[in-house]
């Protein structure tokens, strides 16, 4: 289990952790950045799986919007993440990505940013060997609060995902006009 911040009781450390989160959030500028980050991760994942050169693999990324719940769901059939990689991917100023010049993502904090822009996040992943799952509630509220409590990010292997890849659901998002887009 990941704990943000790591189990600590020092008020100053918790305040510092929130300040670091605020700096990550401030480094983004558009309502669509949450979607862009999740899509960049999906693209990187399917590109990595393409490099495996397995016969018959067809990369897929499915994007779903639910404007009533202010929810985005992105599913890919890329390489997936085991619990250790998922844990790394949600740590502040850590990344689960390997250094790769072909990567679409640039900062390596997009998943963390996205989680803390929502009050519900669910990530289910399967790397072909191990399944991993993370469910986080009230991350945005926690990041803006003044409580000295830590926020648990419990990663486990109890997930219904059956195929290799990752599904990210972000709900109760701070996404401004993203859900007001029309086809007109």
C-alpha atoms as a PDB file:
ATOM      1  CA  UNK A   1       0.000   0.000   0.000  1.00  0.00           C
ATOM      2  CA  UNK A   2       1.173   3.458  -0.853  1.00  0.00           C
ATOM      3  CA  UNK A   3       0.470   6.190   1.659  1.00  0.00           C
ATOM      4  CA  UNK A   4       0.592   9.861   0.681  1.00  0.00           C
ATOM      5  CA  UNK A   5       2.528  11.132   2.499  1.00  0.00           C
ATOM      6  CA  UNK A   6       4.346   8.087   3.866  1.00  0.00           C
ATOM      7  CA  UNK A   7       3.110   7.348   7.394  1.00  0.00           C
ATOM      8  CA  UNK A   8       4.191  10.434   9.238  1.00  0.00           C
ATOM      9  CA  UNK A   9       2.761  12.523  12.004  1.00  0.00           C
ATOM     10  CA  UNK A  10       4.847  15.627  11.504  1.00  0.00           C
ATOM     11  CA  UNK A  11       2.463  18.410  10.491  1.00  0.00           C
ATOM     12  CA  UNK A  12       5.217  20.214   8.548  1.00  0.00           C
ATOM     13  CA  UNK A  13       5.923  17.154   6.384  1.00  0.00           C
ATOM     14  CA  UNK A  14       2.244  16.804   5.500  1.00  0.00           C
ATOM     15  CA  UNK A  15       2.036  20.513   4.637  1.00  0.00           C
ATOM     16  CA  UNK A  16       5.147  20.105   2.461  1.00  0.00           C
ATOM     17  CA  UNK A  17       3.596  17.115   0.677  1.00  0.00           C
ATOM     18  CA  UNK A  18       0.497  19.178  -0.121  1.00  0.00           C
ATOM     19  CA  UNK A  19       2.724  21.980  -1.371  1.00  0.00           C
ATOM     20  CA  UNK A  20       4.471  19.528  -3.712  1.00  0.00           C
ATOM     21  CA  UNK A  21       1.088  18.352  -4.998  1.00  0.00           C
ATOM     22  CA  UNK A  22       0.067  21.977  -5.575  1.00  0.00           C
ATOM     23  CA  UNK A  23       3.269  22.490  -7.590  1.00  0.00           C
ATOM     24  CA  UNK A  24       2.472  19.468  -9.755  1.00  0.00           C
ATOM     25  CA  UNK A  25      -1.066  20.718 -10.350  1.00  0.00           C
ATOM     26  CA  UNK A  26       0.195  24.248 -11.106  1.00  0.00           C
ATOM     27  CA  UNK A  27       2.484  22.845 -13.816  1.00  0.00           C
ATOM     28  CA  UNK A  28      -0.636  22.040 -15.876  1.00  0.00           C
ATOM     29  CA  UNK A  29      -2.738  24.726 -17.559  1.00  0.00           C
ATOM     30  CA  UNK A  30      -5.714  23.260 -19.435  1.00  0.00           C
ATOM     31  CA  UNK A  31      -8.998  21.593 -18.550  1.00  0.00           C
ATOM     32  CA  UNK A  32      -8.137  18.690 -20.833  1.00  0.00           C
ATOM     33  CA  UNK A  33      -4.727  17.953 -19.202  1.00  0.00           C
ATOM     34  CA  UNK A  34      -6.205  15.114 -17.102  1.00  0.00           C
ATOM     35  CA  UNK A  35      -7.458  13.367 -20.235  1.00  0.00           C
ATOM     36  CA  UNK A  36      -4.218  14.118 -22.107  1.00  0.00           C
ATOM     37  CA  UNK A  37      -2.098  12.566 -19.343  1.00  0.00           C
ATOM     38  CA  UNK A  38      -4.152   9.386 -19.162  1.00  0.00           C
ATOM     39  CA  UNK A  39      -4.127   9.087 -22.958  1.00  0.00           C
ATOM     40  CA  UNK A  40      -0.359   9.645 -23.105  1.00  0.00           C
ATOM     41  CA  UNK A  41       0.086   6.788 -20.648  1.00  0.00           C
ATOM     42  CA  UNK A  42      -2.192   4.557 -22.751  1.00  0.00           C
ATOM     43  CA  UNK A  43      -0.312   5.420 -25.958  1.00  0.00           C
ATOM     44  CA  UNK A  44       3.045   4.714 -24.299  1.00  0.00           C
ATOM     45  CA  UNK A  45       1.708   1.389 -23.025  1.00  0.00           C
ATOM     46  CA  UNK A  46       0.464   0.143 -26.405  1.00  0.00           C
ATOM     47  CA  UNK A  47       3.686   1.333 -28.079  1.00  0.00           C
ATOM     48  CA  UNK A  48       5.722  -0.713 -25.600  1.00  0.00           C
ATOM     49  CA  UNK A  49       3.585  -3.760 -26.277  1.00  0.00           C
ATOM     50  CA  UNK A  50       4.030  -3.275 -30.036  1.00  0.00           C
ATOM     51  CA  UNK A  51       7.779  -3.475 -29.459  1.00  0.00           C
ATOM     52  CA  UNK A  52       7.261  -7.043 -28.188  1.00  0.00           C
ATOM     53  CA  UNK A  53       6.363  -7.919 -31.808  1.00  0.00           C
ATOM     54  CA  UNK A  54       3.769 -10.537 -30.838  1.00  0.00           C
ATOM     55  CA  UNK A  55       1.894 -11.800 -33.868  1.00  0.00           C
ATOM     56  CA  UNK A  56      -1.739 -10.722 -34.003  1.00  0.00           C
ATOM     57  CA  UNK A  57      -1.531  -7.896 -31.460  1.00  0.00           C
ATOM     58  CA  UNK A  58      -3.757  -4.959 -32.393  1.00  0.00           C
ATOM     59  CA  UNK A  59      -3.311  -1.883 -30.167  1.00  0.00           C
ATOM     60  CA  UNK A  60      -6.551  -0.490 -28.770  1.00  0.00           C
ATOM     61  CA  UNK A  61      -7.431   2.502 -26.636  1.00  0.00           C
ATOM     62  CA  UNK A  62     -11.054   3.080 -25.610  1.00  0.00           C
ATOM     63  CA  UNK A  63     -12.102   6.485 -24.246  1.00  0.00           C
ATOM     64  CA  UNK A  64     -15.420   6.934 -22.451  1.00  0.00           C
ATOM     65  CA  UNK A  65     -16.971  10.081 -20.963  1.00  0.00           C
ATOM     66  CA  UNK A  66     -19.783  10.288 -18.449  1.00  0.00           C
ATOM     67  CA  UNK A  67     -20.568  13.979 -18.083  1.00  0.00           C
ATOM     68  CA  UNK A  68     -23.290  13.332 -15.472  1.00  0.00           C
ATOM     69  CA  UNK A  69     -20.692  11.866 -13.095  1.00  0.00           C
ATOM     70  CA  UNK A  70     -17.825  14.017 -14.424  1.00  0.00           C
ATOM     71  CA  UNK A  71     -16.043  10.767 -15.177  1.00  0.00           C
ATOM     72  CA  UNK A  72     -13.434   9.697 -17.711  1.00  0.00           C
ATOM     73  CA  UNK A  73     -12.591   6.062 -18.410  1.00  0.00           C
ATOM     74  CA  UNK A  74      -9.609   5.095 -20.549  1.00  0.00           C
ATOM     75  CA  UNK A  75      -8.871   1.448 -21.309  1.00  0.00           C
ATOM     76  CA  UNK A  76      -5.852   0.186 -23.239  1.00  0.00           C
ATOM     77  CA  UNK A  77      -4.526  -3.236 -24.152  1.00  0.00           C
ATOM     78  CA  UNK A  78      -0.910  -2.248 -23.653  1.00  0.00           C
ATOM     79  CA  UNK A  79       1.744  -3.764 -21.405  1.00  0.00           C
ATOM     80  CA  UNK A  80      -0.123  -3.255 -18.114  1.00  0.00           C
ATOM     81  CA  UNK A  81       1.389  -2.713 -14.671  1.00  0.00           C
ATOM     82  CA  UNK A  82       2.138  -5.033 -11.803  1.00  0.00           C
ATOM     83  CA  UNK A  83       1.630  -3.792  -8.229  1.00  0.00           C
ATOM     84  CA  UNK A  84       5.211  -2.503  -7.887  1.00  0.00           C
ATOM     85  CA  UNK A  85       5.021  -0.498 -11.106  1.00  0.00           C
ATOM     86  CA  UNK A  86       1.601   0.893 -10.179  1.00  0.00           C
ATOM     87  CA  UNK A  87       2.962   1.881  -6.772  1.00  0.00           C
ATOM     88  CA  UNK A  88       5.858   3.733  -8.422  1.00  0.00           C
ATOM     89  CA  UNK A  89       3.493   5.424 -10.870  1.00  0.00           C
ATOM     90  CA  UNK A  90       1.421   7.075  -8.129  1.00  0.00           C
ATOM     91  CA  UNK A  91       4.260   8.294  -5.893  1.00  0.00           C
ATOM     92  CA  UNK A  92       5.030  11.995  -5.820  1.00  0.00           C
ATOM     93  CA  UNK A  93       7.953  12.820  -8.090  1.00  0.00           C
ATOM     94  CA  UNK A  94       8.368   9.168  -9.037  1.00  0.00           C
ATOM     95  CA  UNK A  95       7.456   7.453 -12.239  1.00  0.00           C
ATOM     96  CA  UNK A  96       6.752   3.933 -13.311  1.00  0.00           C
ATOM     97  CA  UNK A  97       8.120   4.747 -16.751  1.00  0.00           C
ATOM     98  CA  UNK A  98      11.519   3.778 -17.980  1.00  0.00           C
ATOM     99  CA  UNK A  99      13.552   6.476 -19.678  1.00  0.00           C
ATOM    100  CA  UNK A 100      12.463   6.272 -23.295  1.00  0.00           C
ATOM    101  CA  UNK A 101      12.991   8.814 -26.060  1.00  0.00           C
ATOM    102  CA  UNK A 102       9.888   7.474 -27.830  1.00  0.00           C
ATOM    103  CA  UNK A 103       7.584   8.101 -24.857  1.00  0.00           C
ATOM    104  CA  UNK A 104       4.673  10.463 -25.507  1.00  0.00           C
ATOM    105  CA  UNK A 105       4.481  11.497 -21.841  1.00  0.00           C
ATOM    106  CA  UNK A 106       7.077  13.994 -20.659  1.00  0.00           C
ATOM    107  CA  UNK A 107       6.817  14.749 -16.933  1.00  0.00           C
ATOM    108  CA  UNK A 108       6.243  11.292 -15.456  1.00  0.00           C
ATOM    109  CA  UNK A 109       3.741  12.611 -12.891  1.00  0.00           C
ATOM    110  CA  UNK A 110       0.589  12.500 -15.018  1.00  0.00           C
ATOM    111  CA  UNK A 111      -1.100   9.683 -13.140  1.00  0.00           C
ATOM    112  CA  UNK A 112      -0.451  11.371  -9.786  1.00  0.00           C
ATOM    113  CA  UNK A 113      -1.729  14.679 -11.181  1.00  0.00           C
ATOM    114  CA  UNK A 114      -4.856  13.002 -12.526  1.00  0.00           C
ATOM    115  CA  UNK A 115      -5.647  11.188  -9.285  1.00  0.00           C
ATOM    116  CA  UNK A 116      -5.381  14.422  -7.298  1.00  0.00           C
ATOM    117  CA  UNK A 117      -7.667  16.232  -9.758  1.00  0.00           C
ATOM    118  CA  UNK A 118     -10.434  13.770  -8.922  1.00  0.00           C
ATOM    119  CA  UNK A 119     -12.271  12.557  -5.860  1.00  0.00           C
ATOM    120  CA  UNK A 120     -12.597   9.034  -7.210  1.00  0.00           C
ATOM    121  CA  UNK A 121      -9.881   7.120  -9.013  1.00  0.00           C
ATOM    122  CA  UNK A 122      -9.782   3.454  -9.926  1.00  0.00           C
ATOM    123  CA  UNK A 123      -6.918   1.830 -11.782  1.00  0.00           C
ATOM    124  CA  UNK A 124      -7.036  -1.830 -12.792  1.00  0.00           C
ATOM    125  CA  UNK A 125      -4.092  -3.326 -14.603  1.00  0.00           C
ATOM    126  CA  UNK A 126      -2.726  -6.681 -15.743  1.00  0.00           C
ATOM    127  CA  UNK A 127       0.811  -7.065 -17.069  1.00  0.00           C
ATOM    128  CA  UNK A 128       0.257 -10.638 -18.281  1.00  0.00           C
ATOM    129  CA  UNK A 129       1.532 -12.103 -15.010  1.00  0.00           C
ATOM    130  CA  UNK A 130       0.214 -10.040 -12.109  1.00  0.00           C
ATOM    131  CA  UNK A 131      -2.980  -8.056 -11.646  1.00  0.00           C
ATOM    132  CA  UNK A 132      -2.992  -4.816  -9.685  1.00  0.00           C
ATOM    133  CA  UNK A 133      -5.704  -2.471  -8.504  1.00  0.00           C
ATOM    134  CA  UNK A 134      -5.846   0.926  -6.849  1.00  0.00           C
ATOM    135  CA  UNK A 135      -8.973   2.700  -5.634  1.00  0.00           C
ATOM    136  CA  UNK A 136      -8.630   6.184  -4.164  1.00  0.00           C
ATOM    137  CA  UNK A 137     -11.416   8.306  -2.766  1.00  0.00           C
ATOM    138  CA  UNK A 138     -11.309  12.007  -1.912  1.00  0.00           C
ATOM    139  CA  UNK A 139      -7.763  12.651  -3.156  1.00  0.00           C
ATOM    140  CA  UNK A 140      -8.566  16.166  -4.360  1.00  0.00           C
ATOM    141  CA  UNK A 141     -10.348  16.989  -1.101  1.00  0.00           C
ATOM    142  CA  UNK A 142      -7.392  15.633   0.888  1.00  0.00           C
ATOM    143  CA  UNK A 143      -4.899  17.705  -1.111  1.00  0.00           C
ATOM    144  CA  UNK A 144      -6.838  20.884  -0.312  1.00  0.00           C
ATOM    145  CA  UNK A 145      -7.556  20.064   3.335  1.00  0.00           C
ATOM    146  CA  UNK A 146      -5.602  21.029   6.429  1.00  0.00           C
ATOM    147  CA  UNK A 147      -5.913  17.722   8.256  1.00  0.00           C
ATOM    148  CA  UNK A 148      -2.813  15.910   9.506  1.00  0.00           C
ATOM    149  CA  UNK A 149      -4.151  12.570   8.289  1.00  0.00           C
ATOM    150  CA  UNK A 150      -2.381  10.590   5.575  1.00  0.00           C
ATOM    151  CA  UNK A 151      -4.189   9.472   2.433  1.00  0.00           C
ATOM    152  CA  UNK A 152      -4.050   5.739   1.800  1.00  0.00           C
ATOM    153  CA  UNK A 153      -3.535   4.538  -1.752  1.00  0.00           C
ATOM    154  CA  UNK A 154      -4.159   0.800  -1.288  1.00  0.00           C
ATOM    155  CA  UNK A 155      -2.758  -1.324  -4.095  1.00  0.00           C
ATOM    156  CA  UNK A 156      -3.919  -4.905  -4.199  1.00  0.00           C
ATOM    157  CA  UNK A 157      -4.300  -7.721  -6.695  1.00  0.00           C
ATOM    158  CA  UNK A 158      -8.074  -8.191  -6.363  1.00  0.00           C
ATOM    159  CA  UNK A 159      -9.348  -7.031  -9.747  1.00  0.00           C
ATOM    160  CA  UNK A 160     -11.726  -8.370 -12.362  1.00  0.00           C
ATOM    161  CA  UNK A 161      -9.490  -7.349 -15.274  1.00  0.00           C
ATOM    162  CA  UNK A 162      -9.023 -10.347 -17.547  1.00  0.00           C
ATOM    163  CA  UNK A 163      -6.930  -9.102 -20.447  1.00  0.00           C
ATOM    164  CA  UNK A 164      -3.533  -7.501 -20.487  1.00  0.00           C
ATOM    165  CA  UNK A 165      -3.663  -3.715 -20.245  1.00  0.00           C
ATOM    166  CA  UNK A 166      -4.928  -0.966 -17.969  1.00  0.00           C
ATOM    167  CA  UNK A 167      -8.226   0.742 -17.206  1.00  0.00           C
ATOM    168  CA  UNK A 168      -8.202   4.145 -15.516  1.00  0.00           C
ATOM    169  CA  UNK A 169     -11.435   5.624 -14.204  1.00  0.00           C
ATOM    170  CA  UNK A 170     -11.368   9.166 -12.856  1.00  0.00           C
ATOM    171  CA  UNK A 171     -14.567  10.544 -11.385  1.00  0.00           C
ATOM    172  CA  UNK A 172     -15.740  13.728  -9.711  1.00  0.00           C
ATOM    173  CA  UNK A 173     -13.089  15.525 -11.720  1.00  0.00           C
ATOM    174  CA  UNK A 174     -11.988  19.118 -11.648  1.00  0.00           C
ATOM    175  CA  UNK A 175     -12.043  19.343 -15.424  1.00  0.00           C
ATOM    176  CA  UNK A 176     -13.738  22.680 -16.070  1.00  0.00           C
ATOM    177  CA  UNK A 177     -15.201  22.804 -19.566  1.00  0.00           C
ATOM    178  CA  UNK A 178     -14.052  19.315 -20.558  1.00  0.00           C
ATOM    179  CA  UNK A 179     -17.544  17.897 -19.919  1.00  0.00           C
ATOM    180  CA  UNK A 180     -19.280  20.788 -21.677  1.00  0.00           C
ATOM    181  CA  UNK A 181     -17.857  19.972 -25.114  1.00  0.00           C
ATOM    182  CA  UNK A 182     -20.392  19.456 -27.904  1.00  0.00           C
ATOM    183  CA  UNK A 183     -20.296  18.281 -31.508  1.00  0.00           C
ATOM    184  CA  UNK A 184     -21.903  21.493 -32.784  1.00  0.00           C
END
